[in-house]
Amino acid sequence: MAVKLGVNIDHIATIREARKIREPDPVAAAVLAELAGCHGITAHLREDKRHIQDRDIRILRGVTTTHLNMEMAPTQEMVQFAIDVQPDMVTLVPENRKEITTEGGLNVAAKIEDLSQVITTLKNNDIAVSVFIDAETDQVKAARKVGADFVEFHTGRFANAFDMGTAQDLDREFSAMQDMTVLARKYGLRVNAGHGLNYRNVGYIASIEGIEELNIGHSIIGRAALVGMDRAVKEMLDAIRRAEH
């Protein structure tokens, strides 16, 4: 099974919001990413609206031709917005107003009842649901318990081990990704992964059997600022494909 690429366009909106003007447009970036061959578009509508705005999601819903994955906190306001807009998938993520980026996975095991209600509501409105979790046994078990369709493994610890850790650190984090992918699939969960993945380390995660899609934003957008979106996306697709051979 070929690993798919979902492109997160949040940081195009980050550049726009630095000036509070109309450009660059994350919707235009999404169109270019799709034309370059990506398999999905991801956008995180944060409660603090620091980058992606409500309007962006509404327009993306109308123009996305692959599939639209909306990341959001599991709040009543966000659930209602998702039901209104109807993305193809919602990925439930944690949010901390002071964080620079998402710092870890959602603690599903600590919020079984609340998340079960949120996920049931979304699925009853024909929206697939993923939970963004750390690669840990209790979180995978909890994801099954709350009724998620997918898990998306937070690969931040792996990425940090790749850049700054020892060989033992890297082996530990990579093995955890492999083992938890096997466990999730055993429980009938589909598996995605993302966070901190780049052109240098993506091959490791893309090589794990059972992972369906990698959601990557910062490294692609950073590369696109230098060489353009088309080339940046195609280079990431090439890096993923090399891992499969």
Protein backbone atom coordinates (compact mmCIF):
# COMPACT_ATOMS: atom_id res chain seq x y z
CA MET A 1 0.00 0.00 0.00
CA ALA A 2 1.54 3.29 -1.12
CA VAL A 3 1.86 5.89 1.63
CA LYS A 4 -0.11 9.04 0.87
CA LEU A 5 0.89 12.65 1.53
CA GLY A 6 -1.38 15.17 3.20
CA VAL A 7 -0.08 18.73 3.03
CA ASN A 8 -0.75 20.99 6.01
CA ILE A 9 -1.14 24.58 4.81
CA ASP A 10 -1.34 26.29 8.23
CA HIS A 11 1.94 28.15 7.82
CA ILE A 12 0.83 29.88 4.65
CA ALA A 13 -1.87 31.39 6.84
CA THR A 14 0.76 32.15 9.50
CA ILE A 15 2.61 34.34 6.98
CA ARG A 16 -0.62 36.06 5.99
CA GLU A 17 -1.68 36.74 9.57
CA ALA A 18 1.70 38.33 10.35
CA ARG A 19 0.40 41.34 8.40
CA LYS A 20 -3.36 40.73 8.77
CA ILE A 21 -3.83 41.11 5.03
CA ARG A 22 -5.17 38.89 2.24
CA GLU A 23 -2.00 37.23 1.05
CA PRO A 24 -0.54 34.67 0.77
CA ASP A 25 -3.74 32.69 0.45
CA PRO A 26 -3.70 29.20 2.03
CA VAL A 27 -6.44 28.13 -0.38
CA ALA A 28 -4.16 28.92 -3.34
CA ALA A 29 -1.43 26.90 -1.64
CA ALA A 30 -3.82 23.96 -1.28
CA VAL A 31 -4.70 24.07 -4.98
CA LEU A 32 -1.02 24.11 -5.95
CA ALA A 33 -0.28 21.22 -3.58
CA GLU A 34 -3.04 19.15 -5.14
CA LEU A 35 -1.83 19.95 -8.64
CA ALA A 36 1.64 18.79 -7.57
CA GLY A 37 0.19 15.40 -6.63
CA CYS A 38 -0.54 15.38 -2.90
CA HIS A 39 -3.38 13.18 -1.68
CA GLY A 40 -5.04 15.45 0.86
CA ILE A 41 -5.11 18.89 2.47
CA THR A 42 -4.87 19.42 6.22
CA ALA A 43 -5.66 22.64 8.07
CA HIS A 44 -5.86 23.27 11.83
CA LEU A 45 -8.61 25.67 12.85
CA ARG A 46 -7.38 26.71 16.27
CA GLU A 47 -9.66 28.30 18.84
CA ASP A 48 -7.32 31.30 19.02
CA LYS A 49 -7.46 31.65 15.18
CA ARG A 50 -3.76 32.41 15.03
CA HIS A 51 -3.44 31.20 11.44
CA ILE A 52 -6.30 29.39 9.66
CA GLN A 53 -9.62 31.27 9.81
CA ASP A 54 -13.21 30.04 9.53
CA ARG A 55 -13.41 31.48 6.02
CA ASP A 56 -10.38 29.46 4.90
CA ILE A 57 -12.00 26.18 5.91
CA ARG A 58 -15.26 27.07 4.19
CA ILE A 59 -13.50 27.91 0.94
CA LEU A 60 -11.23 24.86 1.19
CA ARG A 61 -14.31 22.67 1.51
CA GLY A 62 -15.52 24.05 -1.81
CA VAL A 63 -12.29 23.75 -3.79
CA THR A 64 -10.45 20.72 -2.36
CA THR A 65 -10.54 17.87 -4.88
CA THR A 66 -8.63 15.25 -2.84
CA HIS A 67 -9.79 15.13 0.78
CA LEU A 68 -9.99 17.80 3.47
CA ASN A 69 -8.76 16.96 6.96
CA MET A 70 -9.68 19.58 9.55
CA GLU A 71 -7.65 19.50 12.75
CA MET A 72 -9.47 20.91 15.77
CA ALA A 73 -9.86 20.80 19.52
CA PRO A 74 -12.77 18.62 20.74
CA THR A 75 -14.97 21.54 21.81
CA GLN A 76 -18.69 22.10 21.27
CA GLU A 77 -18.03 25.16 19.09
CA MET A 78 -15.62 23.29 16.83
CA VAL A 79 -17.88 20.25 16.56
CA GLN A 80 -20.75 22.45 15.40
CA PHE A 81 -18.51 24.21 12.88
CA ALA A 82 -17.33 20.87 11.48
CA ILE A 83 -20.90 19.64 11.13
CA ASP A 84 -21.75 22.84 9.26
CA VAL A 85 -18.75 22.69 6.89
CA GLN A 86 -18.53 18.89 6.45
CA PRO A 87 -14.81 18.19 5.99
CA ASP A 88 -14.00 14.64 4.90
CA MET A 89 -12.20 14.02 8.17
CA VAL A 90 -11.73 15.67 11.53
CA THR A 91 -8.55 15.07 13.51
CA LEU A 92 -8.97 15.84 17.20
CA VAL A 93 -5.87 17.49 18.67
CA PRO A 94 -4.89 19.11 21.97
CA GLU A 95 -4.50 22.87 22.17
CA ASN A 96 -2.53 25.09 24.53
CA ARG A 97 -2.77 28.83 23.93
CA LYS A 98 0.92 29.39 24.77
CA GLU A 99 2.34 26.62 22.61
CA ILE A 100 4.35 27.38 19.49
CA THR A 101 3.16 24.18 17.86
CA THR A 102 1.29 21.10 19.06
CA GLU A 103 3.46 19.76 21.86
CA GLY A 104 2.18 16.18 22.09
CA GLY A 105 -0.71 13.89 21.44
CA LEU A 106 -4.23 14.18 22.78
CA ASN A 107 -4.63 12.35 26.10
CA VAL A 108 -7.54 10.23 24.93
CA ALA A 109 -7.23 7.84 27.88
CA ALA A 110 -8.04 10.67 30.30
CA LYS A 111 -11.11 11.87 28.38
CA ILE A 112 -12.95 8.71 27.38
CA GLU A 113 -16.50 9.88 28.09
CA ASP A 114 -16.19 13.37 26.60
CA LEU A 115 -14.38 12.20 23.48
CA SER A 116 -16.80 9.35 22.94
CA GLN A 117 -19.65 11.87 22.77
CA VAL A 118 -17.76 14.17 20.40
CA ILE A 119 -16.77 11.32 18.09
CA THR A 120 -20.26 9.83 18.04
CA THR A 121 -21.72 13.20 17.07
CA LEU A 122 -19.22 13.70 14.24
CA LYS A 123 -19.62 10.18 12.89
CA ASN A 124 -23.41 10.50 13.01
CA ASN A 125 -22.92 13.47 10.67
CA ASP A 126 -20.88 11.39 8.20
CA ILE A 127 -17.48 12.80 9.20
CA ALA A 128 -14.59 10.35 9.69
CA VAL A 129 -12.69 10.94 12.93
CA SER A 130 -9.00 10.60 13.74
CA VAL A 131 -7.35 11.21 17.11
CA PHE A 132 -3.83 12.66 17.26
CA ILE A 133 -2.02 10.60 19.87
CA ASP A 134 1.40 9.63 21.13
CA ALA A 135 2.58 6.15 20.13
CA GLU A 136 1.66 4.56 23.47
CA THR A 137 -0.33 1.43 24.23
CA ASP A 138 -2.86 3.07 26.56
CA GLN A 139 -3.63 5.79 24.02
CA VAL A 140 -4.15 3.29 21.19
CA LYS A 141 -6.49 1.26 23.38
CA ALA A 142 -8.37 4.42 24.34
CA ALA A 143 -8.69 5.44 20.69
CA ARG A 144 -10.48 2.18 19.99
CA LYS A 145 -12.67 2.63 23.05
CA VAL A 146 -13.89 6.11 22.03
CA GLY A 147 -14.79 4.92 18.54
CA ALA A 148 -12.20 6.69 16.40
CA ASP A 149 -11.80 5.58 12.79
CA PHE A 150 -8.12 6.57 12.61
CA VAL A 151 -5.22 7.32 14.86
CA GLU A 152 -2.57 9.81 13.78
CA PHE A 153 0.66 9.18 15.62
CA HIS A 154 2.52 12.24 16.86
CA THR A 155 6.01 11.81 15.39
CA GLY A 156 7.60 14.71 17.27
CA ARG A 157 9.63 12.53 19.63
CA PHE A 158 10.91 10.52 16.66
CA ALA A 159 11.86 13.72 14.81
CA ASN A 160 13.69 15.07 17.85
CA ALA A 161 15.55 11.78 18.25
CA PHE A 162 16.53 11.88 14.59
CA ASP A 163 17.98 15.40 14.85
CA MET A 164 19.33 15.53 18.38
CA GLY A 165 19.22 12.08 19.96
CA THR A 166 21.48 9.08 20.09
CA ALA A 167 21.18 6.00 17.90
CA GLN A 168 19.47 4.31 20.83
CA ASP A 169 16.95 7.16 21.10
CA LEU A 170 16.15 6.88 17.41
CA ASP A 171 15.78 3.09 17.57
CA ARG A 172 13.45 3.39 20.58
CA GLU A 173 11.15 5.93 18.96
CA PHE A 174 11.11 4.17 15.60
CA SER A 175 10.32 0.84 17.26
CA ALA A 176 7.47 2.46 19.19
CA MET A 177 5.98 3.70 15.91
CA GLN A 178 6.25 0.23 14.39
CA ASP A 179 4.79 -1.56 17.40
CA MET A 180 1.90 0.86 17.91
CA THR A 181 1.03 0.74 14.21
CA VAL A 182 0.71 -3.04 14.49
CA LEU A 183 -1.43 -2.68 17.63
CA ALA A 184 -3.70 -0.04 16.11
CA ARG A 185 -4.29 -2.14 13.01
CA LYS A 186 -5.01 -5.16 15.20
CA TYR A 187 -7.76 -3.13 16.86
CA GLY A 188 -9.25 -2.16 13.48
CA LEU A 189 -7.93 1.39 13.52
CA ARG A 190 -6.47 2.98 10.42
CA VAL A 191 -3.14 4.75 10.91
CA ASN A 192 -1.72 8.11 9.84
CA ALA A 193 1.29 9.95 11.23
CA GLY A 194 2.80 13.42 11.35
CA HIS A 195 4.61 16.23 13.18
CA GLY A 196 8.21 17.24 12.63
CA LEU A 197 8.60 15.09 9.52
CA ASN A 198 10.92 16.50 6.88
CA TYR A 199 12.82 15.53 3.74
CA ARG A 200 15.61 13.90 5.78
CA ASN A 201 13.61 11.75 8.19
CA VAL A 202 10.37 10.96 6.37
CA GLY A 203 11.74 7.79 4.83
CA TYR A 204 11.85 6.05 8.20
CA ILE A 205 8.16 6.58 8.95
CA ALA A 206 7.09 6.01 5.33
CA SER A 207 8.71 2.57 5.51
CA ILE A 208 6.43 1.37 8.31
CA GLU A 209 3.90 -1.11 6.97
CA GLY A 210 0.35 -0.14 7.85
CA ILE A 211 0.71 3.64 7.88
CA GLU A 212 -1.62 5.11 5.25
CA GLU A 213 -0.88 8.83 5.17
CA LEU A 214 1.69 11.31 6.44
CA ASN A 215 0.54 14.83 7.25
CA ILE A 216 3.40 17.27 6.73
CA GLY A 217 3.35 21.05 6.87
CA HIS A 218 6.28 23.05 8.18
CA SER A 219 9.07 21.44 6.15
CA ILE A 220 7.07 21.59 2.91
CA ILE A 221 6.01 25.21 3.40
CA GLY A 222 9.56 26.17 4.39
CA ARG A 223 10.90 24.51 1.24
CA ALA A 224 8.15 26.07 -0.86
CA ALA A 225 9.24 29.54 0.28
CA LEU A 226 12.53 28.88 -1.50
CA VAL A 227 11.63 26.74 -4.51
CA GLY A 228 7.84 26.97 -4.89
CA MET A 229 4.97 24.75 -3.79
CA ASP A 230 5.02 22.48 -6.83
CA ARG A 231 8.66 21.48 -6.40
CA ALA A 232 8.42 21.24 -2.60
CA VAL A 233 5.48 18.83 -2.73
CA LYS A 234 6.99 16.72 -5.52
CA GLU A 235 10.28 16.42 -3.63
CA MET A 236 8.43 15.18 -0.54
CA LEU A 237 6.47 12.69 -2.62
CA ASP A 238 9.77 11.45 -4.06
CA ALA A 239 11.25 11.08 -0.55
CA ILE A 240 8.23 9.02 0.52
CA ARG A 241 8.35 6.82 -2.57
CA ARG A 242 12.05 6.09 -2.15
CA ALA A 243 11.25 4.58 1.25
CA GLU A 244 8.88 2.10 -0.34
CA HIS A 245 11.52 0.46 -2.55
